[in-house]
Amino acid sequence: MDAEKNEKIKKLINEIAEYYDEPDEKQVEEMRKLTGVDWYAEDLQTLCCGYWESPHTLEELVYFLIHEEWPQK
């Protein structure tokens, strides 16, 4: 995977999680552009704001946002 793109996704995840609200349209569009997936704001809110409570790492969340499935462990 592209390390620079992954870092941008991580930064965006943290921006979304920081406010705990639905991401704004600019953030949604940026995530769509970076991942190639047509994400909805509500889904991004759930994933980004809840990842720190989940059993998944930030890197695994980046993988999920790109591939729409969790990486195999």
N, C-alpha and C. Protein backbone atom coordinates (compact mmCIF):
# COMPACT_ATOMS: atom_id res chain seq x y z
N MET A 1 0.83 -1.19 0.00
CA MET A 1 0.00 0.00 0.00
C MET A 1 0.86 1.24 0.00
N ASP A 2 0.29 2.30 -0.45
CA ASP A 2 0.98 3.57 -0.55
C ASP A 2 1.06 4.23 0.84
N ALA A 3 2.27 4.35 1.37
CA ALA A 3 2.48 4.86 2.73
C ALA A 3 1.98 6.30 2.87
N GLU A 4 2.22 7.13 1.87
CA GLU A 4 1.78 8.53 1.94
C GLU A 4 0.25 8.61 1.99
N LYS A 5 -0.42 7.82 1.16
CA LYS A 5 -1.88 7.80 1.16
C LYS A 5 -2.40 7.30 2.50
N ASN A 6 -1.77 6.27 3.05
CA ASN A 6 -2.19 5.73 4.34
C ASN A 6 -2.07 6.77 5.44
N GLU A 7 -1.01 7.55 5.41
CA GLU A 7 -0.83 8.60 6.41
C GLU A 7 -1.91 9.67 6.29
N LYS A 8 -2.30 10.01 5.08
CA LYS A 8 -3.38 10.98 4.87
C LYS A 8 -4.70 10.43 5.40
N ILE A 9 -4.95 9.15 5.19
CA ILE A 9 -6.17 8.52 5.70
C ILE A 9 -6.15 8.53 7.23
N LYS A 10 -5.03 8.20 7.84
CA LYS A 10 -4.91 8.22 9.30
C LYS A 10 -5.19 9.61 9.85
N LYS A 11 -4.64 10.61 9.22
CA LYS A 11 -4.86 11.98 9.66
C LYS A 11 -6.33 12.34 9.57
N LEU A 12 -6.98 11.94 8.49
CA LEU A 12 -8.39 12.23 8.30
C LEU A 12 -9.24 11.47 9.31
N ILE A 13 -8.90 10.23 9.61
CA ILE A 13 -9.61 9.46 10.64
C ILE A 13 -9.55 10.22 11.96
N ASN A 14 -8.38 10.68 12.33
CA ASN A 14 -8.22 11.40 13.59
C ASN A 14 -8.97 12.73 13.60
N GLU A 15 -9.03 13.42 12.47
CA GLU A 15 -9.80 14.67 12.37
C GLU A 15 -11.28 14.39 12.60
N ILE A 16 -11.79 13.34 11.97
CA ILE A 16 -13.20 12.99 12.11
C ILE A 16 -13.49 12.58 13.55
N ALA A 17 -12.63 11.77 14.14
CA ALA A 17 -12.83 11.27 15.50
C ALA A 17 -12.74 12.39 16.54
N GLU A 18 -11.96 13.41 16.26
CA GLU A 18 -11.74 14.49 17.21
C GLU A 18 -13.04 15.21 17.59
N TYR A 19 -13.94 15.39 16.62
CA TYR A 19 -15.17 16.16 16.87
C TYR A 19 -16.36 15.28 17.21
N TYR A 20 -16.25 13.98 16.97
CA TYR A 20 -17.28 13.00 17.31
C TYR A 20 -18.63 13.30 16.67
N ASP A 21 -18.66 14.14 15.66
CA ASP A 21 -19.85 14.41 14.86
C ASP A 21 -19.65 13.78 13.50
N GLU A 22 -20.72 13.80 12.70
CA GLU A 22 -20.55 13.32 11.33
C GLU A 22 -19.52 14.20 10.63
N PRO A 23 -18.69 13.59 9.80
CA PRO A 23 -17.73 14.41 9.05
C PRO A 23 -18.46 15.33 8.10
N ASP A 24 -17.84 16.46 7.81
CA ASP A 24 -18.46 17.38 6.85
C ASP A 24 -18.25 16.85 5.43
N GLU A 25 -18.90 17.46 4.49
CA GLU A 25 -18.87 16.98 3.10
C GLU A 25 -17.45 16.97 2.54
N LYS A 26 -16.64 17.94 2.92
CA LYS A 26 -15.26 17.99 2.46
C LYS A 26 -14.47 16.77 2.95
N GLN A 27 -14.66 16.42 4.21
CA GLN A 27 -13.98 15.24 4.76
C GLN A 27 -14.45 13.96 4.09
N VAL A 28 -15.76 13.86 3.86
CA VAL A 28 -16.30 12.67 3.19
C VAL A 28 -15.73 12.55 1.78
N GLU A 29 -15.70 13.64 1.06
CA GLU A 29 -15.16 13.62 -0.30
C GLU A 29 -13.68 13.25 -0.31
N GLU A 30 -12.93 13.78 0.65
CA GLU A 30 -11.51 13.45 0.73
C GLU A 30 -11.31 11.96 1.01
N MET A 31 -12.12 11.41 1.94
CA MET A 31 -12.01 9.98 2.23
C MET A 31 -12.38 9.15 1.00
N ARG A 32 -13.41 9.56 0.30
CA ARG A 32 -13.79 8.85 -0.93
C ARG A 32 -12.66 8.87 -1.95
N LYS A 33 -12.03 10.02 -2.09
CA LYS A 33 -10.92 10.18 -3.03
C LYS A 33 -9.74 9.30 -2.64
N LEU A 34 -9.41 9.29 -1.36
CA LEU A 34 -8.25 8.53 -0.89
C LEU A 34 -8.46 7.02 -0.94
N THR A 35 -9.69 6.58 -0.65
CA THR A 35 -9.95 5.14 -0.55
C THR A 35 -10.56 4.54 -1.81
N GLY A 36 -11.19 5.37 -2.63
CA GLY A 36 -11.89 4.84 -3.80
C GLY A 36 -13.22 4.19 -3.47
N VAL A 37 -13.71 4.42 -2.25
CA VAL A 37 -14.98 3.83 -1.80
C VAL A 37 -15.97 4.96 -1.57
N ASP A 38 -17.23 4.74 -1.95
CA ASP A 38 -18.28 5.75 -1.82
C ASP A 38 -18.86 5.72 -0.40
N TRP A 39 -18.09 6.22 0.56
CA TRP A 39 -18.50 6.20 1.95
C TRP A 39 -19.60 7.21 2.23
N TYR A 40 -20.45 6.88 3.20
CA TYR A 40 -21.46 7.81 3.73
C TYR A 40 -20.90 8.43 5.00
N ALA A 41 -21.30 9.67 5.28
CA ALA A 41 -20.82 10.38 6.47
C ALA A 41 -21.11 9.60 7.74
N GLU A 42 -22.30 9.03 7.86
CA GLU A 42 -22.69 8.29 9.06
C GLU A 42 -21.78 7.07 9.28
N ASP A 43 -21.44 6.37 8.21
CA ASP A 43 -20.55 5.21 8.33
C ASP A 43 -19.15 5.63 8.76
N LEU A 44 -18.66 6.72 8.18
CA LEU A 44 -17.34 7.20 8.56
C LEU A 44 -17.31 7.63 10.02
N GLN A 45 -18.38 8.27 10.47
CA GLN A 45 -18.46 8.67 11.87
C GLN A 45 -18.36 7.44 12.78
N THR A 46 -19.14 6.42 12.48
CA THR A 46 -19.15 5.20 13.29
C THR A 46 -17.77 4.55 13.32
N LEU A 47 -17.15 4.42 12.17
CA LEU A 47 -15.85 3.76 12.09
C LEU A 47 -14.73 4.58 12.73
N CYS A 48 -14.69 5.86 12.41
CA CYS A 48 -13.58 6.70 12.89
C CYS A 48 -13.70 7.03 14.37
N CYS A 49 -14.91 7.24 14.85
CA CYS A 49 -15.08 7.61 16.25
C CYS A 49 -15.04 6.40 17.17
N GLY A 50 -15.22 5.21 16.61
CA GLY A 50 -15.26 4.03 17.46
C GLY A 50 -14.07 3.11 17.35
N TYR A 51 -13.12 3.42 16.49
CA TYR A 51 -12.02 2.48 16.29
C TYR A 51 -11.18 2.28 17.55
N TRP A 52 -11.03 3.30 18.37
CA TRP A 52 -10.19 3.18 19.55
C TRP A 52 -10.82 2.28 20.61
N GLU A 53 -12.15 2.02 20.49
CA GLU A 53 -12.81 1.08 21.39
C GLU A 53 -12.87 -0.32 20.79
N SER A 54 -12.53 -0.43 19.53
CA SER A 54 -12.63 -1.72 18.84
C SER A 54 -11.35 -2.53 19.04
N PRO A 55 -11.39 -3.79 18.68
CA PRO A 55 -10.18 -4.61 18.79
C PRO A 55 -9.19 -4.37 17.65
N HIS A 56 -9.52 -3.45 16.75
CA HIS A 56 -8.69 -3.20 15.57
C HIS A 56 -7.77 -2.00 15.77
N THR A 57 -6.63 -2.05 15.13
CA THR A 57 -5.67 -0.96 15.19
C THR A 57 -6.03 0.11 14.16
N LEU A 58 -5.36 1.23 14.25
CA LEU A 58 -5.54 2.29 13.27
C LEU A 58 -5.16 1.80 11.88
N GLU A 59 -4.09 1.04 11.78
CA GLU A 59 -3.65 0.51 10.50
C GLU A 59 -4.69 -0.44 9.91
N GLU A 60 -5.32 -1.23 10.78
CA GLU A 60 -6.37 -2.14 10.31
C GLU A 60 -7.59 -1.36 9.83
N LEU A 61 -7.90 -0.26 10.49
CA LEU A 61 -9.01 0.58 10.05
C LEU A 61 -8.71 1.19 8.68
N VAL A 62 -7.49 1.63 8.47
CA VAL A 62 -7.10 2.15 7.15
C VAL A 62 -7.32 1.07 6.10
N TYR A 63 -6.89 -0.14 6.38
CA TYR A 63 -7.09 -1.27 5.46
C TYR A 63 -8.58 -1.46 5.17
N PHE A 64 -9.40 -1.44 6.23
CA PHE A 64 -10.84 -1.61 6.07
C PHE A 64 -11.45 -0.52 5.19
N LEU A 65 -11.04 0.71 5.40
CA LEU A 65 -11.60 1.81 4.62
C LEU A 65 -11.26 1.71 3.14
N ILE A 66 -10.15 1.10 2.83
CA ILE A 66 -9.74 0.92 1.44
C ILE A 66 -10.38 -0.32 0.82
N HIS A 67 -10.42 -1.42 1.58
CA HIS A 67 -10.83 -2.73 1.04
C HIS A 67 -12.24 -3.15 1.43
N GLU A 68 -12.86 -2.42 2.35
CA GLU A 68 -14.19 -2.73 2.86
C GLU A 68 -14.28 -4.11 3.52
N GLU A 69 -13.17 -4.57 4.07
CA GLU A 69 -13.11 -5.79 4.86
C GLU A 69 -11.89 -5.68 5.76
N TRP A 70 -11.97 -6.36 6.91
CA TRP A 70 -10.86 -6.32 7.85
C TRP A 70 -9.74 -7.23 7.36
N PRO A 71 -8.50 -6.87 7.62
CA PRO A 71 -7.39 -7.71 7.21
C PRO A 71 -7.40 -9.04 7.96
N GLN A 72 -6.88 -10.06 7.32
CA GLN A 72 -6.77 -11.37 7.96
C GLN A 72 -5.66 -11.34 8.98
N LYS A 73 -5.89 -11.92 10.13
CA LYS A 73 -4.86 -11.95 11.18
C LYS A 73 -4.18 -13.29 11.19
